[in-house]
Amino acid sequence: MLTTANPTATTAVRLGFALLAAAAANTVIALGAVALDDGGIGMGLSAASYLPATAIGLLLGTVGWFVIARRAPKALRVVVPAVLVLTWVPDLMLFNIGATAANVFGLMLMHLVVTTAAVTALRPTLVPAPAPGGVQPVGTAD
């Protein structure tokens, strides 16, 4: 069984690095999508759109992670991919208003980057629960 440790300064630092990494990766993706978005609407591909969305996505993902991890940490294996797929629905709907495949798939990739950054930063907060009797499983630190 897994439990969650309380958020600490270390977690905050990991989240800060995750935000920087996700913002950098999303900038590269946006530049590539804009270059390939010949005549499209370019929805969400400006820094003014995706940088705040990256920060908000990471923040909401962190809140969701701790809420779910506190009650049912094993559910994260299902919830995280399900939420990622749900974030792709609005992206796919952009085809209806004239977005190109480069625009839509760029946004979908950006959602994957934010999800990956959040999971990478937050996964260490899941720690094995102590065995009955207070004995830690072998290979775990206090």
C-alpha atoms as a PDB file:
ATOM      1  CA  MET A   1       0.000   0.000   0.000  1.00  0.00           C
ATOM      2  CA  LEU A   2       1.164   3.524  -0.718  1.00  0.00           C
ATOM      3  CA  THR A   3       0.639   6.637   1.327  1.00  0.00           C
ATOM      4  CA  THR A   4       1.512  10.239   0.733  1.00  0.00           C
ATOM      5  CA  ALA A   5       4.023  12.235   2.646  1.00  0.00           C
ATOM      6  CA  ASN A   6       3.220  15.820   3.512  1.00  0.00           C
ATOM      7  CA  PRO A   7       4.274  18.329   0.865  1.00  0.00           C
ATOM      8  CA  THR A   8       7.659  19.719   1.782  1.00  0.00           C
ATOM      9  CA  ALA A   9      10.128  22.275   0.538  1.00  0.00           C
ATOM     10  CA  THR A  10      11.706  19.511  -1.539  1.00  0.00           C
ATOM     11  CA  THR A  11       8.401  18.901  -3.288  1.00  0.00           C
ATOM     12  CA  ALA A  12       8.033  22.626  -3.935  1.00  0.00           C
ATOM     13  CA  VAL A  13      11.514  22.732  -5.480  1.00  0.00           C
ATOM     14  CA  ARG A  14      10.715  19.695  -7.651  1.00  0.00           C
ATOM     15  CA  LEU A  15       7.500  21.406  -8.777  1.00  0.00           C
ATOM     16  CA  GLY A  16       9.450  24.560  -9.603  1.00  0.00           C
ATOM     17  CA  PHE A  17      11.840  22.594 -11.786  1.00  0.00           C
ATOM     18  CA  ALA A  18       8.882  20.765 -13.325  1.00  0.00           C
ATOM     19  CA  LEU A  19       7.302  24.102 -14.212  1.00  0.00           C
ATOM     20  CA  LEU A  20      10.503  25.359 -15.821  1.00  0.00           C
ATOM     21  CA  ALA A  21      10.981  22.122 -17.759  1.00  0.00           C
ATOM     22  CA  ALA A  22       7.360  22.023 -18.912  1.00  0.00           C
ATOM     23  CA  ALA A  23       7.448  25.695 -19.955  1.00  0.00           C
ATOM     24  CA  ALA A  24      10.657  25.147 -21.932  1.00  0.00           C
ATOM     25  CA  ALA A  25       9.356  21.989 -23.616  1.00  0.00           C
ATOM     26  CA  ASN A  26       6.014  23.642 -24.399  1.00  0.00           C
ATOM     27  CA  THR A  27       7.850  26.603 -25.937  1.00  0.00           C
ATOM     28  CA  VAL A  28       9.730  24.259 -28.272  1.00  0.00           C
ATOM     29  CA  ILE A  29       6.497  22.441 -29.139  1.00  0.00           C
ATOM     30  CA  ALA A  30       4.652  25.709 -29.769  1.00  0.00           C
ATOM     31  CA  LEU A  31       7.415  27.009 -32.031  1.00  0.00           C
ATOM     32  CA  GLY A  32       7.348  23.771 -34.020  1.00  0.00           C
ATOM     33  CA  ALA A  33       3.551  23.753 -34.234  1.00  0.00           C
ATOM     34  CA  VAL A  34       3.481  27.396 -35.385  1.00  0.00           C
ATOM     35  CA  ALA A  35       6.066  26.595 -38.055  1.00  0.00           C
ATOM     36  CA  LEU A  36       3.896  23.730 -39.304  1.00  0.00           C
ATOM     37  CA  ASP A  37       0.568  25.559 -38.825  1.00  0.00           C
ATOM     38  CA  ASP A  38       0.289  26.803 -42.391  1.00  0.00           C
ATOM     39  CA  GLY A  39      -2.837  28.957 -42.596  1.00  0.00           C
ATOM     40  CA  GLY A  40      -4.315  27.642 -39.354  1.00  0.00           C
ATOM     41  CA  ILE A  41      -5.749  29.565 -36.434  1.00  0.00           C
ATOM     42  CA  GLY A  42      -2.806  28.938 -34.105  1.00  0.00           C
ATOM     43  CA  MET A  43      -5.090  28.546 -31.095  1.00  0.00           C
ATOM     44  CA  GLY A  44      -3.134  28.301 -27.835  1.00  0.00           C
ATOM     45  CA  LEU A  45       0.258  28.512 -29.490  1.00  0.00           C
ATOM     46  CA  SER A  46       1.242  31.963 -28.248  1.00  0.00           C
ATOM     47  CA  ALA A  47       3.342  32.264 -25.100  1.00  0.00           C
ATOM     48  CA  ALA A  48       0.594  34.406 -23.539  1.00  0.00           C
ATOM     49  CA  SER A  49      -1.729  31.404 -23.868  1.00  0.00           C
ATOM     50  CA  TYR A  50       0.364  28.346 -23.087  1.00  0.00           C
ATOM     51  CA  LEU A  51       2.668  29.634 -20.334  1.00  0.00           C
ATOM     52  CA  PRO A  52      -0.136  30.521 -17.884  1.00  0.00           C
ATOM     53  CA  ALA A  53      -1.977  27.350 -18.921  1.00  0.00           C
ATOM     54  CA  THR A  54       1.163  25.334 -18.165  1.00  0.00           C
ATOM     55  CA  ALA A  55       1.402  26.832 -14.667  1.00  0.00           C
ATOM     56  CA  ILE A  56      -2.327  26.401 -13.994  1.00  0.00           C
ATOM     57  CA  GLY A  57      -2.275  22.828 -15.293  1.00  0.00           C
ATOM     58  CA  LEU A  58       0.641  21.965 -13.045  1.00  0.00           C
ATOM     59  CA  LEU A  59      -1.075  23.594 -10.058  1.00  0.00           C
ATOM     60  CA  LEU A  60      -4.399  21.821 -10.662  1.00  0.00           C
ATOM     61  CA  GLY A  61      -2.604  18.540 -11.274  1.00  0.00           C
ATOM     62  CA  THR A  62      -0.754  18.930  -7.990  1.00  0.00           C
ATOM     63  CA  VAL A  63      -3.953  19.613  -6.063  1.00  0.00           C
ATOM     64  CA  GLY A  64      -5.655  16.646  -7.713  1.00  0.00           C
ATOM     65  CA  TRP A  65      -2.641  14.429  -7.051  1.00  0.00           C
ATOM     66  CA  PHE A  66      -2.626  15.142  -3.313  1.00  0.00           C
ATOM     67  CA  VAL A  67      -6.412  14.831  -2.977  1.00  0.00           C
ATOM     68  CA  ILE A  68      -6.469  11.450  -4.709  1.00  0.00           C
ATOM     69  CA  ALA A  69      -3.183  10.184  -3.252  1.00  0.00           C
ATOM     70  CA  ARG A  70      -4.381  10.860   0.266  1.00  0.00           C
ATOM     71  CA  ARG A  71      -7.505   8.724  -0.181  1.00  0.00           C
ATOM     72  CA  ALA A  72      -6.629   6.144  -2.819  1.00  0.00           C
ATOM     73  CA  PRO A  73      -3.037   6.387  -4.080  1.00  0.00           C
ATOM     74  CA  LYS A  74      -3.346   3.359  -6.350  1.00  0.00           C
ATOM     75  CA  ALA A  75      -6.161   5.146  -8.206  1.00  0.00           C
ATOM     76  CA  LEU A  76      -3.586   7.575  -9.608  1.00  0.00           C
ATOM     77  CA  ARG A  77      -2.574   4.883 -12.116  1.00  0.00           C
ATOM     78  CA  VAL A  78      -6.022   5.189 -13.663  1.00  0.00           C
ATOM     79  CA  VAL A  79      -6.944   8.787 -12.908  1.00  0.00           C
ATOM     80  CA  VAL A  80      -3.827  10.442 -14.343  1.00  0.00           C
ATOM     81  CA  PRO A  81      -4.104   8.883 -17.834  1.00  0.00           C
ATOM     82  CA  ALA A  82      -7.886   9.369 -17.826  1.00  0.00           C
ATOM     83  CA  VAL A  83      -7.558  13.073 -17.039  1.00  0.00           C
ATOM     84  CA  LEU A  84      -4.879  13.444 -19.706  1.00  0.00           C
ATOM     85  CA  VAL A  85      -7.193  11.918 -22.311  1.00  0.00           C
ATOM     86  CA  LEU A  86     -10.023  14.193 -21.155  1.00  0.00           C
ATOM     87  CA  THR A  87      -7.796  17.249 -21.683  1.00  0.00           C
ATOM     88  CA  TRP A  88      -7.395  16.193 -25.292  1.00  0.00           C
ATOM     89  CA  VAL A  89     -11.130  16.444 -26.022  1.00  0.00           C
ATOM     90  CA  PRO A  90     -11.167  20.271 -26.288  1.00  0.00           C
ATOM     91  CA  ASP A  91      -8.016  20.089 -28.406  1.00  0.00           C
ATOM     92  CA  LEU A  92      -9.689  17.727 -30.847  1.00  0.00           C
ATOM     93  CA  MET A  93     -12.758  19.971 -30.977  1.00  0.00           C
ATOM     94  CA  LEU A  94     -10.558  22.730 -32.423  1.00  0.00           C
ATOM     95  CA  PHE A  95     -10.736  20.896 -35.743  1.00  0.00           C
ATOM     96  CA  ASN A  96     -14.342  22.159 -35.927  1.00  0.00           C
ATOM     97  CA  ILE A  97     -13.218  25.801 -35.972  1.00  0.00           C
ATOM     98  CA  GLY A  98     -10.423  25.484 -38.499  1.00  0.00           C
ATOM     99  CA  ALA A  99      -7.390  24.385 -36.518  1.00  0.00           C
ATOM    100  CA  THR A 100      -4.774  22.396 -38.375  1.00  0.00           C
ATOM    101  CA  ALA A 101      -3.422  19.032 -37.304  1.00  0.00           C
ATOM    102  CA  ALA A 102      -0.152  20.740 -36.280  1.00  0.00           C
ATOM    103  CA  ASN A 103      -2.091  23.041 -33.949  1.00  0.00           C
ATOM    104  CA  VAL A 104      -4.219  20.289 -32.402  1.00  0.00           C
ATOM    105  CA  PHE A 105      -1.461  17.733 -31.993  1.00  0.00           C
ATOM    106  CA  GLY A 106       0.885  20.417 -30.683  1.00  0.00           C
ATOM    107  CA  LEU A 107      -1.627  21.238 -27.932  1.00  0.00           C
ATOM    108  CA  MET A 108      -2.136  17.558 -27.178  1.00  0.00           C
ATOM    109  CA  LEU A 109       1.612  17.112 -26.841  1.00  0.00           C
ATOM    110  CA  MET A 110       1.750  20.140 -24.547  1.00  0.00           C
ATOM    111  CA  HIS A 111      -0.829  18.503 -22.258  1.00  0.00           C
ATOM    112  CA  LEU A 112       1.290  15.368 -22.192  1.00  0.00           C
ATOM    113  CA  VAL A 113       4.351  17.439 -21.234  1.00  0.00           C
ATOM    114  CA  VAL A 114       2.533  19.071 -18.294  1.00  0.00           C
ATOM    115  CA  THR A 115       1.207  15.710 -17.114  1.00  0.00           C
ATOM    116  CA  THR A 116       4.649  14.137 -17.339  1.00  0.00           C
ATOM    117  CA  ALA A 117       6.230  17.044 -15.462  1.00  0.00           C
ATOM    118  CA  ALA A 118       3.644  16.829 -12.683  1.00  0.00           C
ATOM    119  CA  VAL A 119       3.941  13.059 -12.282  1.00  0.00           C
ATOM    120  CA  THR A 120       7.735  13.209 -12.335  1.00  0.00           C
ATOM    121  CA  ALA A 121       7.764  15.899  -9.643  1.00  0.00           C
ATOM    122  CA  LEU A 122       5.092  14.321  -7.461  1.00  0.00           C
ATOM    123  CA  ARG A 123       5.827  10.610  -7.707  1.00  0.00           C
ATOM    124  CA  PRO A 124       8.419  10.774  -4.890  1.00  0.00           C
ATOM    125  CA  THR A 125       5.640  11.946  -2.548  1.00  0.00           C
ATOM    126  CA  LEU A 126       4.205   8.431  -2.681  1.00  0.00           C
ATOM    127  CA  VAL A 127       5.944   6.337  -0.076  1.00  0.00           C
ATOM    128  CA  PRO A 128       5.309   2.751   0.932  1.00  0.00           C
ATOM    129  CA  ALA A 129       3.082   2.460   3.979  1.00  0.00           C
ATOM    130  CA  PRO A 130       4.712   0.959   7.046  1.00  0.00           C
ATOM    131  CA  ALA A 131       4.034  -2.720   7.488  1.00  0.00           C
ATOM    132  CA  PRO A 132       1.807  -3.743  10.395  1.00  0.00           C
ATOM    133  CA  GLY A 133       3.732  -3.404  13.629  1.00  0.00           C
ATOM    134  CA  GLY A 134       5.579  -0.304  12.408  1.00  0.00           C
ATOM    135  CA  VAL A 135       8.305  -2.179  10.508  1.00  0.00           C
ATOM    136  CA  GLN A 136       9.385  -0.407   7.305  1.00  0.00           C
ATOM    137  CA  PRO A 137       9.592  -2.551   4.152  1.00  0.00           C
ATOM    138  CA  VAL A 138      13.136  -3.448   3.117  1.00  0.00           C
ATOM    139  CA  GLY A 139      14.815  -0.835   0.940  1.00  0.00           C
ATOM    140  CA  THR A 140      12.815   2.167   2.136  1.00  0.00           C
ATOM    141  CA  ALA A 141      14.084   5.091   4.132  1.00  0.00           C
ATOM    142  CA  ASP A 142      12.330   6.953   6.901  1.00  0.00           C
END
